[in-house]
């Protein structure tokens, strides 16, 4: 199974699961998979790999700041090699959290 099929499998499992704890376990496995050097290199070579990484980045920031999934900061660091940015440093912060930006 290639990397894209594996990602699709994780996404389908997330869509089918309703229990929060099980969904978080699936996310944990999926982001560990994405964080593997082999997977990151595969995604980088895709025609729209940069768009996929951007979507992953946004989703992890949303998980952390909006959904309060604290583990998302670990996933972010594993995938992108840096700390998750504070909400004030995200481009789209004003649209999601207008009360946090003056």
PDB file of N, CA and C in Angstrom:
ATOM      1  N   UNK A   1       0.851  -1.173   0.000  1.00  0.00           N
ATOM      2  CA  UNK A   1       0.000   0.000   0.000  1.00  0.00           C
ATOM      3  C   UNK A   1       0.897   1.236   0.000  1.00  0.00           C
ATOM      4  N   UNK A   2       0.610   2.196  -0.876  1.00  0.00           N
ATOM      5  CA  UNK A   2       1.429   3.401  -0.908  1.00  0.00           C
ATOM      6  C   UNK A   2       0.949   4.412   0.139  1.00  0.00           C
ATOM      7  N   UNK A   3       1.669   5.501   0.264  1.00  0.00           N
ATOM      8  CA  UNK A   3       1.388   6.484   1.304  1.00  0.00           C
ATOM      9  C   UNK A   3       0.005   7.113   1.165  1.00  0.00           C
ATOM     10  N   UNK A   4      -0.408   7.405  -0.055  1.00  0.00           N
ATOM     11  CA  UNK A   4      -1.721   8.031  -0.267  1.00  0.00           C
ATOM     12  C   UNK A   4      -2.835   7.083   0.143  1.00  0.00           C
ATOM     13  N   UNK A   5      -2.717   5.822  -0.211  1.00  0.00           N
ATOM     14  CA  UNK A   5      -3.732   4.847   0.195  1.00  0.00           C
ATOM     15  C   UNK A   5      -3.778   4.694   1.717  1.00  0.00           C
ATOM     16  N   UNK A   6      -2.631   4.729   2.343  1.00  0.00           N
ATOM     17  CA  UNK A   6      -2.587   4.635   3.800  1.00  0.00           C
ATOM     18  C   UNK A   6      -3.277   5.846   4.423  1.00  0.00           C
ATOM     19  N   UNK A   7      -3.014   7.035   3.899  1.00  0.00           N
ATOM     20  CA  UNK A   7      -3.683   8.236   4.401  1.00  0.00           C
ATOM     21  C   UNK A   7      -5.192   8.149   4.194  1.00  0.00           C
ATOM     22  N   UNK A   8      -5.603   7.678   3.047  1.00  0.00           N
ATOM     23  CA  UNK A   8      -7.048   7.513   2.785  1.00  0.00           C
ATOM     24  C   UNK A   8      -7.683   6.549   3.778  1.00  0.00           C
ATOM     25  N   UNK A   9      -6.961   5.497   4.104  1.00  0.00           N
ATOM     26  CA  UNK A   9      -7.459   4.521   5.076  1.00  0.00           C
ATOM     27  C   UNK A   9      -7.665   5.180   6.438  1.00  0.00           C
ATOM     28  N   UNK A  10      -6.695   5.983   6.871  1.00  0.00           N
ATOM     29  CA  UNK A  10      -6.839   6.702   8.136  1.00  0.00           C
ATOM     30  C   UNK A  10      -8.022   7.672   8.095  1.00  0.00           C
ATOM     31  N   UNK A  11      -8.154   8.399   7.011  1.00  0.00           N
ATOM     32  CA  UNK A  11      -9.242   9.378   6.893  1.00  0.00           C
ATOM     33  C   UNK A  11     -10.598   8.685   6.897  1.00  0.00           C
ATOM     34  N   UNK A  12     -10.711   7.574   6.196  1.00  0.00           N
ATOM     35  CA  UNK A  12     -11.982   6.809   6.213  1.00  0.00           C
ATOM     36  C   UNK A  12     -12.293   6.302   7.614  1.00  0.00           C
ATOM     37  N   UNK A  13     -11.272   5.850   8.320  1.00  0.00           N
ATOM     38  CA  UNK A  13     -11.475   5.378   9.696  1.00  0.00           C
ATOM     39  C   UNK A  13     -11.952   6.525  10.584  1.00  0.00           C
ATOM     40  N   UNK A  14     -11.393   7.715  10.394  1.00  0.00           N
ATOM     41  CA  UNK A  14     -11.831   8.882  11.162  1.00  0.00           C
ATOM     42  C   UNK A  14     -13.282   9.237  10.864  1.00  0.00           C
ATOM     43  N   UNK A  15     -13.643   9.188   9.587  1.00  0.00           N
ATOM     44  CA  UNK A  15     -15.017   9.502   9.199  1.00  0.00           C
ATOM     45  C   UNK A  15     -16.016   8.518   9.784  1.00  0.00           C
ATOM     46  N   UNK A  16     -15.615   7.279   9.917  1.00  0.00           N
ATOM     47  CA  UNK A  16     -16.521   6.234  10.408  1.00  0.00           C
ATOM     48  C   UNK A  16     -16.626   6.211  11.937  1.00  0.00           C
ATOM     49  N   UNK A  17     -15.608   6.705  12.610  1.00  0.00           N
ATOM     50  CA  UNK A  17     -15.578   6.625  14.082  1.00  0.00           C
ATOM     51  C   UNK A  17     -16.236   7.851  14.709  1.00  0.00           C
ATOM     52  N   UNK A  18     -17.077   7.623  15.689  1.00  0.00           N
ATOM     53  CA  UNK A  18     -17.774   8.723  16.374  1.00  0.00           C
ATOM     54  C   UNK A  18     -17.216   9.008  17.767  1.00  0.00           C
ATOM     55  N   UNK A  19     -16.600   8.014  18.374  1.00  0.00           N
ATOM     56  CA  UNK A  19     -16.092   8.168  19.740  1.00  0.00           C
ATOM     57  C   UNK A  19     -14.808   9.000  19.738  1.00  0.00           C
ATOM     58  N   UNK A  20     -14.791  10.047  20.567  1.00  0.00           N
ATOM     59  CA  UNK A  20     -13.674  11.002  20.587  1.00  0.00           C
ATOM     60  C   UNK A  20     -12.335  10.337  20.898  1.00  0.00           C
ATOM     61  N   UNK A  21     -12.296   9.469  21.899  1.00  0.00           N
ATOM     62  CA  UNK A  21     -11.027   8.829  22.283  1.00  0.00           C
ATOM     63  C   UNK A  21     -10.479   7.966  21.153  1.00  0.00           C
ATOM     64  N   UNK A  22     -11.348   7.260  20.460  1.00  0.00           N
ATOM     65  CA  UNK A  22     -10.902   6.419  19.342  1.00  0.00           C
ATOM     66  C   UNK A  22     -10.451   7.274  18.166  1.00  0.00           C
ATOM     67  N   UNK A  23     -11.152   8.392  17.938  1.00  0.00           N
ATOM     68  CA  UNK A  23     -10.748   9.302  16.862  1.00  0.00           C
ATOM     69  C   UNK A  23      -9.357   9.872  17.150  1.00  0.00           C
ATOM     70  N   UNK A  24      -9.100  10.193  18.407  1.00  0.00           N
ATOM     71  CA  UNK A  24      -7.786  10.739  18.758  1.00  0.00           C
ATOM     72  C   UNK A  24      -6.696   9.686  18.565  1.00  0.00           C
ATOM     73  N   UNK A  25      -7.001   8.436  18.855  1.00  0.00           N
ATOM     74  CA  UNK A  25      -6.034   7.355  18.635  1.00  0.00           C
ATOM     75  C   UNK A  25      -5.728   7.213  17.144  1.00  0.00           C
ATOM     76  N   UNK A  26      -6.755   7.306  16.316  1.00  0.00           N
ATOM     77  CA  UNK A  26      -6.555   7.230  14.863  1.00  0.00           C
ATOM     78  C   UNK A  26      -5.699   8.403  14.393  1.00  0.00           C
ATOM     79  N   UNK A  27      -6.009   9.600  14.894  1.00  0.00           N
ATOM     80  CA  UNK A  27      -5.214  10.790  14.541  1.00  0.00           C
ATOM     81  C   UNK A  27      -3.757  10.611  14.941  1.00  0.00           C
ATOM     82  N   UNK A  28      -3.539  10.096  16.132  1.00  0.00           N
ATOM     83  CA  UNK A  28      -2.174   9.875  16.623  1.00  0.00           C
ATOM     84  C   UNK A  28      -1.404   8.987  15.642  1.00  0.00           C
ATOM     85  N   UNK A  29      -2.028   7.884  15.238  1.00  0.00           N
ATOM     86  CA  UNK A  29      -1.369   6.963  14.301  1.00  0.00           C
ATOM     87  C   UNK A  29      -1.138   7.629  12.951  1.00  0.00           C
ATOM     88  N   UNK A  30      -2.136   8.389  12.471  1.00  0.00           N
ATOM     89  CA  UNK A  30      -2.030   9.032  11.171  1.00  0.00           C
ATOM     90  C   UNK A  30      -0.895  10.061  11.168  1.00  0.00           C
ATOM     91  N   UNK A  31      -0.811  10.890  12.204  1.00  0.00           N
ATOM     92  CA  UNK A  31       0.233  11.909  12.224  1.00  0.00           C
ATOM     93  C   UNK A  31       1.616  11.311  12.472  1.00  0.00           C
ATOM     94  N   UNK A  32       1.696  10.212  13.173  1.00  0.00           N
ATOM     95  CA  UNK A  32       2.983   9.495  13.282  1.00  0.00           C
ATOM     96  C   UNK A  32       3.414   8.998  11.906  1.00  0.00           C
ATOM     97  N   UNK A  33       2.451   8.501  11.143  1.00  0.00           N
ATOM     98  CA  UNK A  33       2.734   8.031   9.789  1.00  0.00           C
ATOM     99  C   UNK A  33       3.206   9.192   8.912  1.00  0.00           C
ATOM    100  N   UNK A  34       2.500  10.325   8.991  1.00  0.00           N
ATOM    101  CA  UNK A  34       2.873  11.500   8.193  1.00  0.00           C
ATOM    102  C   UNK A  34       4.255  12.006   8.594  1.00  0.00           C
ATOM    103  N   UNK A  35       4.602  11.903   9.869  1.00  0.00           N
ATOM    104  CA  UNK A  35       5.886  12.414  10.368  1.00  0.00           C
ATOM    105  C   UNK A  35       7.086  11.583   9.918  1.00  0.00           C
ATOM    106  N   UNK A  36       6.839  10.382   9.422  1.00  0.00           N
ATOM    107  CA  UNK A  36       7.956   9.558   8.942  1.00  0.00           C
ATOM    108  C   UNK A  36       8.626  10.248   7.760  1.00  0.00           C
ATOM    109  N   UNK A  37       9.937  10.217   7.749  1.00  0.00           N
ATOM    110  CA  UNK A  37      10.704  10.874   6.690  1.00  0.00           C
ATOM    111  C   UNK A  37      10.291  10.369   5.300  1.00  0.00           C
ATOM    112  N   UNK A  38      10.076   9.072   5.189  1.00  0.00           N
ATOM    113  CA  UNK A  38       9.670   8.477   3.908  1.00  0.00           C
ATOM    114  C   UNK A  38       8.336   9.063   3.430  1.00  0.00           C
ATOM    115  N   UNK A  39       7.387   9.225   4.335  1.00  0.00           N
ATOM    116  CA  UNK A  39       6.082   9.775   3.970  1.00  0.00           C
ATOM    117  C   UNK A  39       6.197  11.248   3.611  1.00  0.00           C
ATOM    118  N   UNK A  40       6.947  12.009   4.404  1.00  0.00           N
ATOM    119  CA  UNK A  40       7.115  13.432   4.099  1.00  0.00           C
ATOM    120  C   UNK A  40       7.777  13.631   2.740  1.00  0.00           C
ATOM    121  N   UNK A  41       8.777  12.833   2.441  1.00  0.00           N
ATOM    122  CA  UNK A  41       9.433  12.933   1.136  1.00  0.00           C
ATOM    123  C   UNK A  41       8.478  12.580   0.003  1.00  0.00           C
ATOM    124  N   UNK A  42       7.643  11.577   0.223  1.00  0.00           N
ATOM    125  CA  UNK A  42       6.651  11.182  -0.785  1.00  0.00           C
ATOM    126  C   UNK A  42       5.678  12.333  -1.036  1.00  0.00           C
ATOM    127  N   UNK A  43       5.176  12.928   0.033  1.00  0.00           N
ATOM    128  CA  UNK A  43       4.214  14.029  -0.102  1.00  0.00           C
ATOM    129  C   UNK A  43       4.857  15.215  -0.812  1.00  0.00           C
ATOM    130  N   UNK A  44       6.117  15.524  -0.490  1.00  0.00           N
ATOM    131  CA  UNK A  44       6.820  16.645  -1.124  1.00  0.00           C
ATOM    132  C   UNK A  44       6.912  16.479  -2.639  1.00  0.00           C
ATOM    133  N   UNK A  45       6.983  15.243  -3.093  1.00  0.00           N
ATOM    134  CA  UNK A  45       7.125  14.978  -4.528  1.00  0.00           C
ATOM    135  C   UNK A  45       5.801  15.049  -5.282  1.00  0.00           C
ATOM    136  N   UNK A  46       4.691  15.043  -4.560  1.00  0.00           N
ATOM    137  CA  UNK A  46       3.384  15.109  -5.198  1.00  0.00           C
ATOM    138  C   UNK A  46       3.174  16.475  -5.847  1.00  0.00           C
ATOM    139  N   UNK A  47       2.369  16.503  -6.898  1.00  0.00           N
ATOM    140  CA  UNK A  47       2.092  17.754  -7.603  1.00  0.00           C
ATOM    141  C   UNK A  47       1.534  18.815  -6.643  1.00  0.00           C
ATOM    142  N   UNK A  48       0.656  18.411  -5.761  1.00  0.00           N
ATOM    143  CA  UNK A  48       0.043  19.346  -4.813  1.00  0.00           C
ATOM    144  C   UNK A  48       0.466  19.047  -3.377  1.00  0.00           C
ATOM    145  N   UNK A  49       1.683  18.541  -3.218  1.00  0.00           N
ATOM    146  CA  UNK A  49       2.185  18.197  -1.899  1.00  0.00           C
ATOM    147  C   UNK A  49       2.264  19.391  -0.964  1.00  0.00           C
ATOM    148  N   UNK A  50       2.643  20.555  -1.512  1.00  0.00           N
ATOM    149  CA  UNK A  50       2.715  21.753  -0.674  1.00  0.00           C
ATOM    150  C   UNK A  50       1.341  22.136  -0.148  1.00  0.00           C
ATOM    151  N   UNK A  51       0.320  21.947  -0.959  1.00  0.00           N
ATOM    152  CA  UNK A  51      -1.049  22.238  -0.529  1.00  0.00           C
ATOM    153  C   UNK A  51      -1.479  21.260   0.567  1.00  0.00           C
ATOM    154  N   UNK A  52      -1.110  19.998   0.415  1.00  0.00           N
ATOM    155  CA  UNK A  52      -1.437  19.000   1.432  1.00  0.00           C
ATOM    156  C   UNK A  52      -0.752  19.339   2.758  1.00  0.00           C
ATOM    157  N   UNK A  53       0.528  19.694   2.721  1.00  0.00           N
ATOM    158  CA  UNK A  53       1.230  20.081   3.946  1.00  0.00           C
ATOM    159  C   UNK A  53       0.591  21.321   4.573  1.00  0.00           C
ATOM    160  N   UNK A  54       0.168  22.271   3.747  1.00  0.00           N
ATOM    161  CA  UNK A  54      -0.487  23.472   4.265  1.00  0.00           C
ATOM    162  C   UNK A  54      -1.800  23.107   4.969  1.00  0.00           C
ATOM    163  N   UNK A  55      -2.561  22.191   4.380  1.00  0.00           N
ATOM    164  CA  UNK A  55      -3.810  21.747   5.002  1.00  0.00           C
ATOM    165  C   UNK A  55      -3.547  20.999   6.310  1.00  0.00           C
ATOM    166  N   UNK A  56      -2.513  20.187   6.330  1.00  0.00           N
ATOM    167  CA  UNK A  56      -2.139  19.480   7.559  1.00  0.00           C
ATOM    168  C   UNK A  56      -1.761  20.492   8.637  1.00  0.00           C
ATOM    169  N   UNK A  57      -0.974  21.482   8.257  1.00  0.00           N
ATOM    170  CA  UNK A  57      -0.555  22.532   9.197  1.00  0.00           C
ATOM    171  C   UNK A  57      -1.784  23.237   9.786  1.00  0.00           C
ATOM    172  N   UNK A  58      -2.699  23.653   8.933  1.00  0.00           N
ATOM    173  CA  UNK A  58      -3.907  24.352   9.394  1.00  0.00           C
ATOM    174  C   UNK A  58      -4.756  23.471  10.307  1.00  0.00           C
ATOM    175  N   UNK A  59      -4.904  22.212   9.949  1.00  0.00           N
ATOM    176  CA  UNK A  59      -5.731  21.304  10.742  1.00  0.00           C
ATOM    177  C   UNK A  59      -5.122  21.092  12.125  1.00  0.00           C
ATOM    178  N   UNK A  60      -3.817  20.921  12.191  1.00  0.00           N
ATOM    179  CA  UNK A  60      -3.170  20.736  13.492  1.00  0.00           C
ATOM    180  C   UNK A  60      -3.295  21.984  14.361  1.00  0.00           C
ATOM    181  N   UNK A  61      -3.154  23.151  13.759  1.00  0.00           N
ATOM    182  CA  UNK A  61      -3.325  24.403  14.507  1.00  0.00           C
ATOM    183  C   UNK A  61      -4.761  24.517  15.007  1.00  0.00           C
ATOM    184  N   UNK A  62      -5.706  24.158  14.158  1.00  0.00           N
ATOM    185  CA  UNK A  62      -7.115  24.178  14.565  1.00  0.00           C
ATOM    186  C   UNK A  62      -7.374  23.189  15.706  1.00  0.00           C
ATOM    187  N   UNK A  63      -6.854  21.977  15.585  1.00  0.00           N
ATOM    188  CA  UNK A  63      -7.016  20.990  16.659  1.00  0.00           C
ATOM    189  C   UNK A  63      -6.506  21.555  17.986  1.00  0.00           C
ATOM    190  N   UNK A  64      -5.347  22.176  17.928  1.00  0.00           N
ATOM    191  CA  UNK A  64      -4.707  22.656  19.157  1.00  0.00           C
ATOM    192  C   UNK A  64      -5.447  23.859  19.752  1.00  0.00           C
ATOM    193  N   UNK A  65      -5.707  24.862  18.923  1.00  0.00           N
ATOM    194  CA  UNK A  65      -6.267  26.109  19.437  1.00  0.00           C
ATOM    195  C   UNK A  65      -7.787  26.087  19.575  1.00  0.00           C
ATOM    196  N   UNK A  66      -8.474  25.467  18.654  1.00  0.00           N
ATOM    197  CA  UNK A  66      -9.932  25.510  18.663  1.00  0.00           C
ATOM    198  C   UNK A  66     -10.551  24.315  19.384  1.00  0.00           C
ATOM    199  N   UNK A  67     -10.027  23.140  19.107  1.00  0.00           N
ATOM    200  CA  UNK A  67     -10.594  21.918  19.683  1.00  0.00           C
ATOM    201  C   UNK A  67      -9.911  21.512  20.984  1.00  0.00           C
ATOM    202  N   UNK A  68      -8.866  22.234  21.342  1.00  0.00           N
ATOM    203  CA  UNK A  68      -8.121  21.986  22.574  1.00  0.00           C
ATOM    204  C   UNK A  68      -7.564  20.561  22.676  1.00  0.00           C
ATOM    205  N   UNK A  69      -7.093  20.055  21.552  1.00  0.00           N
ATOM    206  CA  UNK A  69      -6.403  18.763  21.529  1.00  0.00           C
ATOM    207  C   UNK A  69      -4.927  19.083  21.749  1.00  0.00           C
ATOM    208  N   UNK A  70      -4.489  19.021  22.978  1.00  0.00           N
ATOM    209  CA  UNK A  70      -3.128  19.418  23.331  1.00  0.00           C
ATOM    210  C   UNK A  70      -2.074  18.562  22.637  1.00  0.00           C
ATOM    211  N   UNK A  71      -2.395  17.317  22.390  1.00  0.00           N
ATOM    212  CA  UNK A  71      -1.448  16.420  21.721  1.00  0.00           C
ATOM    213  C   UNK A  71      -1.129  16.892  20.299  1.00  0.00           C
ATOM    214  N   UNK A  72      -1.977  17.731  19.729  1.00  0.00           N
ATOM    215  CA  UNK A  72      -1.739  18.251  18.378  1.00  0.00           C
ATOM    216  C   UNK A  72      -0.425  19.009  18.297  1.00  0.00           C
ATOM    217  N   UNK A  73       0.009  19.602  19.406  1.00  0.00           N
ATOM    218  CA  UNK A  73       1.297  20.313  19.384  1.00  0.00           C
ATOM    219  C   UNK A  73       2.456  19.335  19.195  1.00  0.00           C
ATOM    220  N   UNK A  74       2.325  18.135  19.739  1.00  0.00           N
ATOM    221  CA  UNK A  74       3.346  17.096  19.557  1.00  0.00           C
ATOM    222  C   UNK A  74       3.330  16.630  18.102  1.00  0.00           C
ATOM    223  N   UNK A  75       2.148  16.397  17.578  1.00  0.00           N
ATOM    224  CA  UNK A  75       2.027  15.962  16.181  1.00  0.00           C
ATOM    225  C   UNK A  75       2.617  17.015  15.257  1.00  0.00           C
ATOM    226  N   UNK A  76       2.326  18.281  15.524  1.00  0.00           N
ATOM    227  CA  UNK A  76       2.839  19.385  14.707  1.00  0.00           C
ATOM    228  C   UNK A  76       4.369  19.381  14.719  1.00  0.00           C
ATOM    229  N   UNK A  77       4.939  19.276  15.909  1.00  0.00           N
ATOM    230  CA  UNK A  77       6.407  19.264  16.037  1.00  0.00           C
ATOM    231  C   UNK A  77       7.010  18.064  15.306  1.00  0.00           C
ATOM    232  N   UNK A  78       6.356  16.907  15.414  1.00  0.00           N
ATOM    233  CA  UNK A  78       6.862  15.716  14.733  1.00  0.00           C
ATOM    234  C   UNK A  78       6.839  15.869  13.215  1.00  0.00           C
ATOM    235  N   UNK A  79       5.789  16.490  12.692  1.00  0.00           N
ATOM    236  CA  UNK A  79       5.646  16.632  11.239  1.00  0.00           C
ATOM    237  C   UNK A  79       6.502  17.783  10.701  1.00  0.00           C
ATOM    238  N   UNK A  80       6.466  18.936  11.390  1.00  0.00           N
ATOM    239  CA  UNK A  80       7.095  20.141  10.839  1.00  0.00           C
ATOM    240  C   UNK A  80       8.414  20.529  11.502  1.00  0.00           C
ATOM    241  N   UNK A  81       8.797  19.840  12.567  1.00  0.00           N
ATOM    242  CA  UNK A  81      10.082  20.095  13.198  1.00  0.00           C
ATOM    243  C   UNK A  81      10.166  21.414  13.940  1.00  0.00           C
ATOM    244  N   UNK A  82       9.026  21.961  14.329  1.00  0.00           N
ATOM    245  CA  UNK A  82       9.017  23.207  15.090  1.00  0.00           C
ATOM    246  C   UNK A  82       7.790  23.253  15.987  1.00  0.00           C
ATOM    247  N   UNK A  83       7.807  24.189  16.928  1.00  0.00           N
ATOM    248  CA  UNK A  83       6.677  24.315  17.844  1.00  0.00           C
ATOM    249  C   UNK A  83       5.466  24.867  17.108  1.00  0.00           C
ATOM    250  N   UNK A  84       4.300  24.502  17.588  1.00  0.00           N
ATOM    251  CA  UNK A  84       3.067  25.023  17.003  1.00  0.00           C
ATOM    252  C   UNK A  84       2.998  26.525  17.305  1.00  0.00           C
ATOM    253  N   UNK A  85       2.621  27.337  16.321  1.00  0.00           N
ATOM    254  CA  UNK A  85       2.608  28.782  16.571  1.00  0.00           C
ATOM    255  C   UNK A  85       1.467  29.195  17.494  1.00  0.00           C
ATOM    256  N   UNK A  86       1.690  30.257  18.267  1.00  0.00           N
ATOM    257  CA  UNK A  86       0.588  30.780  19.067  1.00  0.00           C
ATOM    258  C   UNK A  86      -0.497  31.315  18.140  1.00  0.00           C
ATOM    259  N   UNK A  87      -1.695  31.373  18.638  1.00  0.00           N
ATOM    260  CA  UNK A  87      -2.834  31.776  17.807  1.00  0.00           C
ATOM    261  C   UNK A  87      -2.612  33.142  17.161  1.00  0.00           C
ATOM    262  N   UNK A  88      -1.942  34.029  17.841  1.00  0.00           N
ATOM    263  CA  UNK A  88      -1.715  35.374  17.310  1.00  0.00           C
ATOM    264  C   UNK A  88      -0.834  35.370  16.062  1.00  0.00           C
ATOM    265  N   UNK A  89      -0.045  34.334  15.876  1.00  0.00           N
ATOM    266  CA  UNK A  89       0.881  34.276  14.746  1.00  0.00           C
ATOM    267  C   UNK A  89       0.314  33.552  13.531  1.00  0.00           C
ATOM    268  N   UNK A  90      -0.919  33.117  13.612  1.00  0.00           N
ATOM    269  CA  UNK A  90      -1.507  32.431  12.461  1.00  0.00           C
ATOM    270  C   UNK A  90      -2.232  33.440  11.597  1.00  0.00           C
ATOM    271  N   UNK A  91      -2.085  33.318  10.290  1.00  0.00           N
ATOM    272  CA  UNK A  91      -2.683  34.253   9.338  1.00  0.00           C
ATOM    273  C   UNK A  91      -4.197  34.318   9.469  1.00  0.00           C
ATOM    274  N   UNK A  92      -4.801  33.195   9.742  1.00  0.00           N
ATOM    275  CA  UNK A  92      -6.255  33.095   9.734  1.00  0.00           C
ATOM    276  C   UNK A  92      -6.847  33.226  11.125  1.00  0.00           C
ATOM    277  N   UNK A  93      -6.050  33.673  12.094  1.00  0.00           N
ATOM    278  CA  UNK A  93      -6.521  33.780  13.482  1.00  0.00           C
ATOM    279  C   UNK A  93      -7.705  34.720  13.607  1.00  0.00           C
ATOM    280  N   UNK A  94      -7.692  35.830  12.893  1.00  0.00           N
ATOM    281  CA  UNK A  94      -8.768  36.790  13.061  1.00  0.00           C
ATOM    282  C   UNK A  94     -10.108  36.244  12.614  1.00  0.00           C
ATOM    283  N   UNK A  95     -10.123  35.387  11.606  1.00  0.00           N
ATOM    284  CA  UNK A  95     -11.400  34.847  11.151  1.00  0.00           C
ATOM    285  C   UNK A  95     -11.946  33.772  12.091  1.00  0.00           C
ATOM    286  N   UNK A  96     -11.052  33.032  12.759  1.00  0.00           N
ATOM    287  CA  UNK A  96     -11.511  31.984  13.671  1.00  0.00           C
ATOM    288  C   UNK A  96     -11.747  32.496  15.082  1.00  0.00           C
ATOM    289  N   UNK A  97     -10.905  33.426  15.515  1.00  0.00           N
ATOM    290  CA  UNK A  97     -10.936  33.874  16.905  1.00  0.00           C
ATOM    291  C   UNK A  97     -10.907  35.400  16.976  1.00  0.00           C
ATOM    292  N   UNK A  98     -11.947  36.067  16.531  1.00  0.00           N
ATOM    293  CA  UNK A  98     -11.894  37.529  16.506  1.00  0.00           C
ATOM    294  C   UNK A  98     -11.709  38.144  17.901  1.00  0.00           C
ATOM    295  N   UNK A  99     -12.131  37.444  18.934  1.00  0.00           N
ATOM    296  CA  UNK A  99     -12.004  37.997  20.281  1.00  0.00           C
ATOM    297  C   UNK A  99     -10.575  37.979  20.789  1.00  0.00           C
ATOM    298  N   UNK A 100      -9.671  37.221  20.174  1.00  0.00           N
ATOM    299  CA  UNK A 100      -8.293  37.125  20.667  1.00  0.00           C
ATOM    300  C   UNK A 100      -7.368  38.137  20.009  1.00  0.00           C
ATOM    301  N   UNK A 101      -7.841  38.817  18.987  1.00  0.00           N
ATOM    302  CA  UNK A 101      -6.993  39.752  18.263  1.00  0.00           C
ATOM    303  C   UNK A 101      -7.576  41.152  18.448  1.00  0.00           C
ATOM    304  N   UNK A 102      -6.731  42.072  18.902  1.00  0.00           N
ATOM    305  CA  UNK A 102      -7.262  43.430  19.143  1.00  0.00           C
ATOM    306  C   UNK A 102      -7.112  44.321  17.937  1.00  0.00           C
TER     307      UNK A 102
END
